[in-house]
Amino acid sequence: MPQVDPDLFDRGQFQAELALKASPIAAFKKAIRRARDVLDERFRSGRDIRRLIEDRAWFVDNILQKAWDQFEWSEDADIALLAVGGYGRGELHPYSDIDLLILLDSDDHEVFREPIERFLTLLWDIGLEVGQSVRSVNECAQEGRADLTVITNLMKAAPSPAP
């Protein structure tokens, strides 16, 4: 995956646009439209399909990181955003949903309920098709004992670049 691809997503420009907007939604939507246009043009130009899929996942990594950063997560918050499914494997096809696991250390989901709801609402508002689950480490272990496919999926999960 690319480390930097300013044609696909210019982090500095995006940050500047975020600072100018009263609501972040317009800046996110603009970045998503631009990325779709760039990826469509790369497809028409004959870019390798595997590379396009990786480029799309890289872009979504960046957008998710910026979306996550819109919220106040305390420094000692035991919460992680994980990419699962095809996205977790770095394979994000056009129009695929973005599978996310929000992993909590604590079984008490209420502590993070409001910021998680606002985070997910932002993702929906900017037009991302998200499949999400919110689970504690203990809940993942329980589900894994009951269903081997859960363990397999978690083994292939990747931390999103968001903290």
N, C-alpha and C. Protein backbone atom coordinates (compact mmCIF):
# COMPACT_ATOMS: atom_id res chain seq x y z
N MET A 1 0.84 -1.19 0.00
CA MET A 1 0.00 0.00 0.00
C MET A 1 0.88 1.24 0.00
N PRO A 2 0.40 2.27 -0.65
CA PRO A 2 1.22 3.49 -0.69
C PRO A 2 1.34 4.13 0.68
N GLN A 3 2.48 4.73 0.93
CA GLN A 3 2.67 5.49 2.17
C GLN A 3 2.12 6.89 2.00
N VAL A 4 2.33 7.44 0.82
CA VAL A 4 1.84 8.78 0.51
C VAL A 4 1.36 8.76 -0.94
N ASP A 5 0.18 9.28 -1.15
CA ASP A 5 -0.37 9.38 -2.50
C ASP A 5 -1.24 10.64 -2.54
N PRO A 6 -0.60 11.81 -2.71
CA PRO A 6 -1.35 13.06 -2.64
C PRO A 6 -2.41 13.21 -3.72
N ASP A 7 -2.28 12.49 -4.83
CA ASP A 7 -3.35 12.54 -5.84
C ASP A 7 -4.62 11.89 -5.30
N LEU A 8 -4.44 10.83 -4.55
CA LEU A 8 -5.58 10.11 -3.99
C LEU A 8 -6.10 10.78 -2.72
N PHE A 9 -5.18 11.20 -1.86
CA PHE A 9 -5.58 11.86 -0.61
C PHE A 9 -4.42 12.71 -0.12
N ASP A 10 -4.62 14.00 -0.14
CA ASP A 10 -3.61 14.94 0.33
C ASP A 10 -3.96 15.31 1.76
N ARG A 11 -3.22 14.76 2.70
CA ARG A 11 -3.54 14.96 4.12
C ARG A 11 -3.51 16.43 4.53
N GLY A 12 -2.51 17.16 4.06
CA GLY A 12 -2.40 18.57 4.41
C GLY A 12 -3.55 19.39 3.87
N GLN A 13 -3.90 19.15 2.62
CA GLN A 13 -5.02 19.87 2.02
C GLN A 13 -6.32 19.53 2.74
N PHE A 14 -6.50 18.26 3.07
CA PHE A 14 -7.71 17.85 3.78
C PHE A 14 -7.79 18.53 5.14
N GLN A 15 -6.68 18.58 5.85
CA GLN A 15 -6.64 19.22 7.17
C GLN A 15 -7.02 20.69 7.05
N ALA A 16 -6.51 21.35 6.01
CA ALA A 16 -6.83 22.76 5.79
C ALA A 16 -8.32 22.94 5.50
N GLU A 17 -8.89 22.05 4.71
CA GLU A 17 -10.32 22.14 4.41
C GLU A 17 -11.16 21.88 5.64
N LEU A 18 -10.73 20.95 6.47
CA LEU A 18 -11.45 20.69 7.73
C LEU A 18 -11.49 21.94 8.59
N ALA A 19 -10.37 22.64 8.64
CA ALA A 19 -10.27 23.83 9.48
C ALA A 19 -11.19 24.95 8.99
N LEU A 20 -11.46 24.98 7.69
CA LEU A 20 -12.29 26.04 7.12
C LEU A 20 -13.79 25.77 7.22
N LYS A 21 -14.17 24.54 7.46
CA LYS A 21 -15.58 24.16 7.44
C LYS A 21 -16.18 24.20 8.84
N ALA A 22 -17.44 24.65 8.91
CA ALA A 22 -18.15 24.63 10.19
C ALA A 22 -18.48 23.19 10.57
N SER A 23 -18.75 22.36 9.58
CA SER A 23 -19.03 20.94 9.79
C SER A 23 -18.03 20.14 8.96
N PRO A 24 -17.51 19.07 9.51
CA PRO A 24 -16.52 18.30 8.77
C PRO A 24 -17.10 17.50 7.61
N ILE A 25 -18.41 17.33 7.58
CA ILE A 25 -19.03 16.44 6.60
C ILE A 25 -18.69 16.85 5.16
N ALA A 26 -18.76 18.13 4.86
CA ALA A 26 -18.48 18.58 3.48
C ALA A 26 -17.05 18.25 3.07
N ALA A 27 -16.10 18.43 3.95
CA ALA A 27 -14.69 18.13 3.62
C ALA A 27 -14.50 16.63 3.38
N PHE A 28 -15.13 15.81 4.21
CA PHE A 28 -15.03 14.36 4.03
C PHE A 28 -15.66 13.94 2.69
N LYS A 29 -16.85 14.45 2.40
CA LYS A 29 -17.53 14.08 1.16
C LYS A 29 -16.71 14.50 -0.06
N LYS A 30 -16.11 15.67 0.00
CA LYS A 30 -15.28 16.14 -1.12
C LYS A 30 -14.09 15.21 -1.32
N ALA A 31 -13.44 14.82 -0.24
CA ALA A 31 -12.29 13.91 -0.34
C ALA A 31 -12.70 12.56 -0.91
N ILE A 32 -13.86 12.07 -0.49
CA ILE A 32 -14.35 10.78 -0.98
C ILE A 32 -14.67 10.86 -2.48
N ARG A 33 -15.33 11.93 -2.90
CA ARG A 33 -15.62 12.11 -4.33
C ARG A 33 -14.33 12.16 -5.15
N ARG A 34 -13.36 12.91 -4.65
CA ARG A 34 -12.09 13.03 -5.37
C ARG A 34 -11.40 11.67 -5.47
N ALA A 35 -11.38 10.93 -4.38
CA ALA A 35 -10.73 9.61 -4.40
C ALA A 35 -11.43 8.67 -5.38
N ARG A 36 -12.75 8.70 -5.40
CA ARG A 36 -13.48 7.85 -6.37
C ARG A 36 -13.11 8.23 -7.80
N ASP A 37 -13.04 9.53 -8.07
CA ASP A 37 -12.66 9.98 -9.42
C ASP A 37 -11.25 9.53 -9.78
N VAL A 38 -10.32 9.68 -8.85
CA VAL A 38 -8.93 9.28 -9.10
C VAL A 38 -8.85 7.77 -9.33
N LEU A 39 -9.52 6.99 -8.50
CA LEU A 39 -9.49 5.53 -8.64
C LEU A 39 -10.16 5.09 -9.94
N ASP A 40 -11.28 5.73 -10.30
CA ASP A 40 -11.94 5.41 -11.57
C ASP A 40 -11.02 5.69 -12.75
N GLU A 41 -10.33 6.82 -12.71
CA GLU A 41 -9.40 7.17 -13.79
C GLU A 41 -8.24 6.17 -13.85
N ARG A 42 -7.74 5.78 -12.70
CA ARG A 42 -6.65 4.78 -12.68
C ARG A 42 -7.12 3.45 -13.26
N PHE A 43 -8.36 3.08 -12.99
CA PHE A 43 -8.92 1.86 -13.56
C PHE A 43 -8.99 1.97 -15.08
N ARG A 44 -9.54 3.08 -15.57
CA ARG A 44 -9.66 3.28 -17.02
C ARG A 44 -8.29 3.32 -17.70
N SER A 45 -7.27 3.75 -16.96
CA SER A 45 -5.91 3.82 -17.51
C SER A 45 -5.18 2.48 -17.48
N GLY A 46 -5.83 1.46 -16.91
CA GLY A 46 -5.25 0.13 -16.92
C GLY A 46 -4.40 -0.23 -15.71
N ARG A 47 -4.55 0.50 -14.64
CA ARG A 47 -3.77 0.18 -13.43
C ARG A 47 -4.12 -1.24 -12.96
N ASP A 48 -3.14 -1.93 -12.44
CA ASP A 48 -3.32 -3.28 -11.93
C ASP A 48 -4.44 -3.31 -10.88
N ILE A 49 -5.35 -4.26 -11.02
CA ILE A 49 -6.52 -4.34 -10.14
C ILE A 49 -6.11 -4.52 -8.69
N ARG A 50 -5.12 -5.36 -8.42
CA ARG A 50 -4.68 -5.55 -7.03
C ARG A 50 -4.22 -4.23 -6.43
N ARG A 51 -3.52 -3.45 -7.22
CA ARG A 51 -3.04 -2.15 -6.74
C ARG A 51 -4.21 -1.20 -6.47
N LEU A 52 -5.22 -1.22 -7.33
CA LEU A 52 -6.40 -0.38 -7.12
C LEU A 52 -7.12 -0.73 -5.82
N ILE A 53 -7.22 -2.02 -5.55
CA ILE A 53 -7.88 -2.48 -4.32
C ILE A 53 -7.08 -2.02 -3.10
N GLU A 54 -5.76 -2.12 -3.18
CA GLU A 54 -4.90 -1.64 -2.09
C GLU A 54 -4.99 -0.13 -1.94
N ASP A 55 -5.03 0.58 -3.07
CA ASP A 55 -5.15 2.04 -3.01
C ASP A 55 -6.45 2.46 -2.33
N ARG A 56 -7.53 1.78 -2.65
CA ARG A 56 -8.83 2.09 -2.03
C ARG A 56 -8.76 1.85 -0.52
N ALA A 57 -8.16 0.75 -0.11
CA ALA A 57 -8.03 0.47 1.33
C ALA A 57 -7.16 1.53 2.01
N TRP A 58 -6.08 1.95 1.35
CA TRP A 58 -5.22 3.00 1.90
C TRP A 58 -5.99 4.28 2.10
N PHE A 59 -6.79 4.66 1.10
CA PHE A 59 -7.60 5.87 1.22
C PHE A 59 -8.57 5.76 2.40
N VAL A 60 -9.25 4.64 2.51
CA VAL A 60 -10.21 4.46 3.61
C VAL A 60 -9.49 4.48 4.95
N ASP A 61 -8.29 3.91 5.04
CA ASP A 61 -7.50 4.01 6.27
C ASP A 61 -7.34 5.47 6.68
N ASN A 62 -6.99 6.30 5.72
CA ASN A 62 -6.76 7.72 6.00
C ASN A 62 -8.04 8.43 6.40
N ILE A 63 -9.12 8.17 5.70
CA ILE A 63 -10.40 8.81 6.03
C ILE A 63 -10.87 8.38 7.41
N LEU A 64 -10.74 7.10 7.72
CA LEU A 64 -11.16 6.62 9.05
C LEU A 64 -10.31 7.26 10.14
N GLN A 65 -9.02 7.39 9.90
CA GLN A 65 -8.16 8.03 10.90
C GLN A 65 -8.61 9.46 11.15
N LYS A 66 -8.89 10.19 10.08
CA LYS A 66 -9.33 11.58 10.23
C LYS A 66 -10.70 11.65 10.90
N ALA A 67 -11.58 10.71 10.60
CA ALA A 67 -12.90 10.68 11.24
C ALA A 67 -12.76 10.37 12.73
N TRP A 68 -11.91 9.40 13.06
CA TRP A 68 -11.67 9.02 14.46
C TRP A 68 -11.13 10.21 15.24
N ASP A 69 -10.25 10.96 14.58
CA ASP A 69 -9.62 12.12 15.22
C ASP A 69 -10.60 13.26 15.50
N GLN A 70 -11.79 13.20 14.94
CA GLN A 70 -12.79 14.25 15.18
C GLN A 70 -13.38 14.16 16.59
N PHE A 71 -13.11 13.07 17.29
CA PHE A 71 -13.72 12.83 18.59
C PHE A 71 -12.68 12.82 19.69
N GLU A 72 -13.13 13.18 20.86
CA GLU A 72 -12.25 13.26 22.03
C GLU A 72 -12.18 11.89 22.71
N TRP A 73 -11.15 11.14 22.39
CA TRP A 73 -10.90 9.87 23.06
C TRP A 73 -9.81 10.18 24.09
N SER A 74 -10.04 9.82 25.33
CA SER A 74 -9.05 10.13 26.36
C SER A 74 -7.76 9.37 26.08
N GLU A 75 -6.67 9.92 26.55
CA GLU A 75 -5.35 9.31 26.33
C GLU A 75 -5.27 7.89 26.87
N ASP A 76 -5.97 7.63 27.95
CA ASP A 76 -5.91 6.30 28.55
C ASP A 76 -7.11 5.45 28.16
N ALA A 77 -7.82 5.83 27.11
CA ALA A 77 -8.99 5.07 26.66
C ALA A 77 -8.53 3.72 26.11
N ASP A 78 -9.10 2.68 26.64
CA ASP A 78 -8.80 1.34 26.16
C ASP A 78 -9.80 0.97 25.08
N ILE A 79 -9.60 1.56 23.92
CA ILE A 79 -10.50 1.36 22.79
C ILE A 79 -9.64 1.31 21.53
N ALA A 80 -10.02 0.44 20.61
CA ALA A 80 -9.27 0.32 19.36
C ALA A 80 -10.23 0.15 18.21
N LEU A 81 -9.85 0.68 17.08
CA LEU A 81 -10.61 0.53 15.85
C LEU A 81 -9.87 -0.48 14.99
N LEU A 82 -10.53 -1.60 14.68
CA LEU A 82 -9.91 -2.66 13.89
C LEU A 82 -10.64 -2.83 12.57
N ALA A 83 -9.88 -3.02 11.53
CA ALA A 83 -10.42 -3.35 10.22
C ALA A 83 -10.55 -4.87 10.16
N VAL A 84 -11.73 -5.35 9.80
CA VAL A 84 -11.95 -6.79 9.71
C VAL A 84 -12.51 -7.12 8.32
N GLY A 85 -12.68 -8.41 8.06
CA GLY A 85 -13.19 -8.83 6.76
C GLY A 85 -12.20 -8.51 5.66
N GLY A 86 -12.73 -8.28 4.47
CA GLY A 86 -11.87 -7.95 3.33
C GLY A 86 -11.07 -6.69 3.56
N TYR A 87 -11.69 -5.71 4.19
CA TYR A 87 -10.97 -4.47 4.48
C TYR A 87 -9.80 -4.75 5.41
N GLY A 88 -9.97 -5.62 6.39
CA GLY A 88 -8.89 -5.97 7.30
C GLY A 88 -7.72 -6.64 6.60
N ARG A 89 -8.02 -7.30 5.48
CA ARG A 89 -6.96 -7.94 4.68
C ARG A 89 -6.37 -6.97 3.66
N GLY A 90 -6.84 -5.72 3.68
CA GLY A 90 -6.35 -4.73 2.73
C GLY A 90 -6.95 -4.88 1.35
N GLU A 91 -8.10 -5.56 1.28
CA GLU A 91 -8.77 -5.81 0.00
C GLU A 91 -10.13 -5.11 0.02
N LEU A 92 -10.16 -3.90 -0.46
CA LEU A 92 -11.41 -3.15 -0.43
C LEU A 92 -11.85 -2.88 -1.87
N HIS A 93 -12.82 -3.66 -2.31
CA HIS A 93 -13.35 -3.54 -3.66
C HIS A 93 -14.33 -2.38 -3.74
N PRO A 94 -14.54 -1.85 -4.95
CA PRO A 94 -15.53 -0.76 -5.08
C PRO A 94 -16.90 -1.23 -4.57
N TYR A 95 -17.55 -0.38 -3.85
CA TYR A 95 -18.89 -0.60 -3.31
C TYR A 95 -18.96 -1.70 -2.25
N SER A 96 -17.81 -2.19 -1.79
CA SER A 96 -17.80 -3.12 -0.67
C SER A 96 -18.06 -2.34 0.61
N ASP A 97 -18.69 -3.01 1.56
CA ASP A 97 -18.83 -2.32 2.84
C ASP A 97 -17.50 -2.40 3.58
N ILE A 98 -17.36 -1.50 4.52
CA ILE A 98 -16.14 -1.37 5.30
C ILE A 98 -16.42 -2.00 6.66
N ASP A 99 -15.86 -3.18 6.89
CA ASP A 99 -16.12 -3.91 8.13
C ASP A 99 -15.18 -3.43 9.23
N LEU A 100 -15.77 -2.98 10.32
CA LEU A 100 -15.02 -2.46 11.45
C LEU A 100 -15.42 -3.16 12.73
N LEU A 101 -14.45 -3.36 13.59
CA LEU A 101 -14.69 -3.81 14.96
C LEU A 101 -14.13 -2.74 15.88
N ILE A 102 -15.00 -2.23 16.73
CA ILE A 102 -14.55 -1.30 17.77
C ILE A 102 -14.37 -2.16 19.01
N LEU A 103 -13.13 -2.32 19.40
CA LEU A 103 -12.75 -3.24 20.47
C LEU A 103 -12.50 -2.46 21.76
N LEU A 104 -13.19 -2.90 22.80
CA LEU A 104 -13.06 -2.27 24.12
C LEU A 104 -12.38 -3.23 25.08
N ASP A 105 -11.57 -2.69 25.95
CA ASP A 105 -10.97 -3.52 26.99
C ASP A 105 -12.01 -3.89 28.03
N SER A 106 -12.89 -2.96 28.33
CA SER A 106 -13.90 -3.13 29.37
C SER A 106 -15.18 -3.72 28.79
N ASP A 107 -15.89 -4.48 29.61
CA ASP A 107 -17.20 -4.99 29.21
C ASP A 107 -18.27 -3.90 29.30
N ASP A 108 -17.94 -2.77 29.89
CA ASP A 108 -18.88 -1.67 30.06
C ASP A 108 -18.87 -0.79 28.80
N HIS A 109 -19.81 -1.03 27.91
CA HIS A 109 -19.89 -0.29 26.66
C HIS A 109 -20.40 1.13 26.86
N GLU A 110 -21.10 1.37 27.95
CA GLU A 110 -21.71 2.68 28.19
C GLU A 110 -20.69 3.81 28.26
N VAL A 111 -19.50 3.50 28.73
CA VAL A 111 -18.46 4.52 28.86
C VAL A 111 -18.20 5.21 27.51
N PHE A 112 -18.22 4.45 26.43
CA PHE A 112 -17.91 4.98 25.11
C PHE A 112 -19.13 5.07 24.19
N ARG A 113 -20.30 4.82 24.72
CA ARG A 113 -21.50 4.74 23.87
C ARG A 113 -21.70 6.00 23.03
N GLU A 114 -21.69 7.16 23.65
CA GLU A 114 -21.96 8.40 22.92
C GLU A 114 -20.92 8.69 21.84
N PRO A 115 -19.61 8.67 22.16
CA PRO A 115 -18.65 8.96 21.09
C PRO A 115 -18.65 7.91 19.97
N ILE A 116 -18.91 6.65 20.32
CA ILE A 116 -18.99 5.62 19.28
C ILE A 116 -20.17 5.89 18.37
N GLU A 117 -21.32 6.22 18.95
CA GLU A 117 -22.50 6.52 18.14
C GLU A 117 -22.25 7.72 17.23
N ARG A 118 -21.60 8.74 17.75
CA ARG A 118 -21.31 9.93 16.94
C ARG A 118 -20.30 9.60 15.83
N PHE A 119 -19.31 8.78 16.15
CA PHE A 119 -18.32 8.36 15.15
C PHE A 119 -19.01 7.60 14.01
N LEU A 120 -19.84 6.64 14.36
CA LEU A 120 -20.53 5.85 13.33
C LEU A 120 -21.50 6.71 12.52
N THR A 121 -22.17 7.63 13.19
CA THR A 121 -23.08 8.55 12.49
C THR A 121 -22.30 9.39 11.48
N LEU A 122 -21.13 9.87 11.86
CA LEU A 122 -20.30 10.63 10.93
C LEU A 122 -19.96 9.78 9.71
N LEU A 123 -19.59 8.52 9.93
CA LEU A 123 -19.24 7.65 8.80
C LEU A 123 -20.43 7.49 7.85
N TRP A 124 -21.62 7.30 8.42
CA TRP A 124 -22.82 7.18 7.57
C TRP A 124 -23.11 8.49 6.86
N ASP A 125 -22.98 9.61 7.57
CA ASP A 125 -23.28 10.93 7.00
C ASP A 125 -22.36 11.27 5.83
N ILE A 126 -21.14 10.78 5.86
CA ILE A 126 -20.21 11.08 4.76
C ILE A 126 -20.32 10.06 3.63
N GLY A 127 -21.22 9.10 3.78
CA GLY A 127 -21.52 8.18 2.70
C GLY A 127 -20.76 6.88 2.70
N LEU A 128 -20.11 6.53 3.80
CA LEU A 128 -19.41 5.25 3.86
C LEU A 128 -20.40 4.15 4.24
N GLU A 129 -20.29 3.02 3.56
CA GLU A 129 -21.10 1.84 3.88
C GLU A 129 -20.30 1.04 4.90
N VAL A 130 -20.73 1.10 6.14
CA VAL A 130 -19.97 0.50 7.23
C VAL A 130 -20.75 -0.67 7.82
N GLY A 131 -20.05 -1.77 8.03
CA GLY A 131 -20.55 -2.87 8.83
C GLY A 131 -19.74 -2.85 10.11
N GLN A 132 -20.39 -2.67 11.23
CA GLN A 132 -19.64 -2.48 12.47
C GLN A 132 -20.14 -3.39 13.58
N SER A 133 -19.22 -3.66 14.47
CA SER A 133 -19.57 -4.32 15.73
C SER A 133 -18.75 -3.65 16.83
N VAL A 134 -19.33 -3.65 18.01
CA VAL A 134 -18.66 -3.10 19.19
C VAL A 134 -18.61 -4.23 20.20
N ARG A 135 -17.41 -4.63 20.56
CA ARG A 135 -17.26 -5.76 21.48
C ARG A 135 -16.10 -5.52 22.42
N SER A 136 -16.21 -6.15 23.57
CA SER A 136 -15.08 -6.15 24.49
C SER A 136 -14.17 -7.33 24.15
N VAL A 137 -12.99 -7.31 24.71
CA VAL A 137 -12.07 -8.43 24.51
C VAL A 137 -12.71 -9.71 25.02
N ASN A 138 -13.37 -9.65 26.19
CA ASN A 138 -14.05 -10.83 26.74
C ASN A 138 -15.14 -11.34 25.81
N GLU A 139 -15.92 -10.42 25.23
CA GLU A 139 -16.98 -10.84 24.31
C GLU A 139 -16.41 -11.50 23.06
N CYS A 140 -15.30 -10.98 22.57
CA CYS A 140 -14.64 -11.61 21.41
C CYS A 140 -14.18 -13.02 21.76
N ALA A 141 -13.63 -13.18 22.95
CA ALA A 141 -13.18 -14.51 23.38
C ALA A 141 -14.35 -15.47 23.49
N GLN A 142 -15.46 -15.01 24.08
CA GLN A 142 -16.66 -15.87 24.20
C GLN A 142 -17.19 -16.26 22.82
N GLU A 143 -17.30 -15.29 21.94
CA GLU A 143 -17.80 -15.57 20.59
C GLU A 143 -16.85 -16.50 19.85
N GLY A 144 -15.56 -16.32 20.04
CA GLY A 144 -14.58 -17.17 19.40
C GLY A 144 -14.65 -18.61 19.86
N ARG A 145 -14.94 -18.80 21.14
CA ARG A 145 -15.10 -20.17 21.64
C ARG A 145 -16.34 -20.84 21.05
N ALA A 146 -17.35 -20.05 20.74
CA ALA A 146 -18.59 -20.59 20.21
C ALA A 146 -18.56 -20.76 18.69
N ASP A 147 -17.71 -20.01 18.02
CA ASP A 147 -17.71 -20.01 16.55
C ASP A 147 -16.29 -19.78 16.05
N LEU A 148 -15.71 -20.80 15.47
CA LEU A 148 -14.33 -20.74 15.00
C LEU A 148 -14.11 -19.66 13.95
N THR A 149 -15.15 -19.34 13.16
CA THR A 149 -14.97 -18.32 12.13
C THR A 149 -14.71 -16.95 12.74
N VAL A 150 -15.18 -16.73 13.96
CA VAL A 150 -14.91 -15.46 14.65
C VAL A 150 -13.42 -15.34 14.92
N ILE A 151 -12.83 -16.42 15.41
CA ILE A 151 -11.38 -16.43 15.69
C ILE A 151 -10.60 -16.21 14.39
N THR A 152 -11.00 -16.91 13.33
CA THR A 152 -10.32 -16.75 12.05
C THR A 152 -10.39 -15.30 11.57
N ASN A 153 -11.56 -14.69 11.70
CA ASN A 153 -11.73 -13.30 11.28
C ASN A 153 -10.87 -12.37 12.12
N LEU A 154 -10.83 -12.60 13.42
CA LEU A 154 -10.01 -11.76 14.30
C LEU A 154 -8.52 -11.93 14.02
N MET A 155 -8.11 -13.14 13.65
CA MET A 155 -6.70 -13.37 13.34
C MET A 155 -6.28 -12.57 12.11
N LYS A 156 -7.23 -12.32 11.22
CA LYS A 156 -6.92 -11.57 10.00
C LYS A 156 -7.20 -10.08 10.15
N ALA A 157 -7.68 -9.67 11.32
CA ALA A 157 -7.99 -8.25 11.55
C ALA A 157 -6.71 -7.44 11.56
N ALA A 158 -6.86 -6.20 11.18
CA ALA A 158 -5.73 -5.28 11.18
C ALA A 158 -6.12 -4.02 11.93
N PRO A 159 -5.21 -3.50 12.73
CA PRO A 159 -5.55 -2.23 13.38
C PRO A 159 -5.70 -1.15 12.33
N SER A 160 -6.75 -0.39 12.47
CA SER A 160 -6.89 0.78 11.61
C SER A 160 -5.83 1.77 12.04
N PRO A 161 -5.44 2.67 11.18
CA PRO A 161 -4.43 3.64 11.60
C PRO A 161 -4.91 4.55 12.71
N ALA A 162 -6.22 4.56 12.94
CA ALA A 162 -6.72 5.35 14.07
C ALA A 162 -6.22 4.72 15.36
N PRO A 163 -5.99 5.53 16.39
CA PRO A 163 -5.46 4.97 17.64
C PRO A 163 -6.38 3.97 18.26
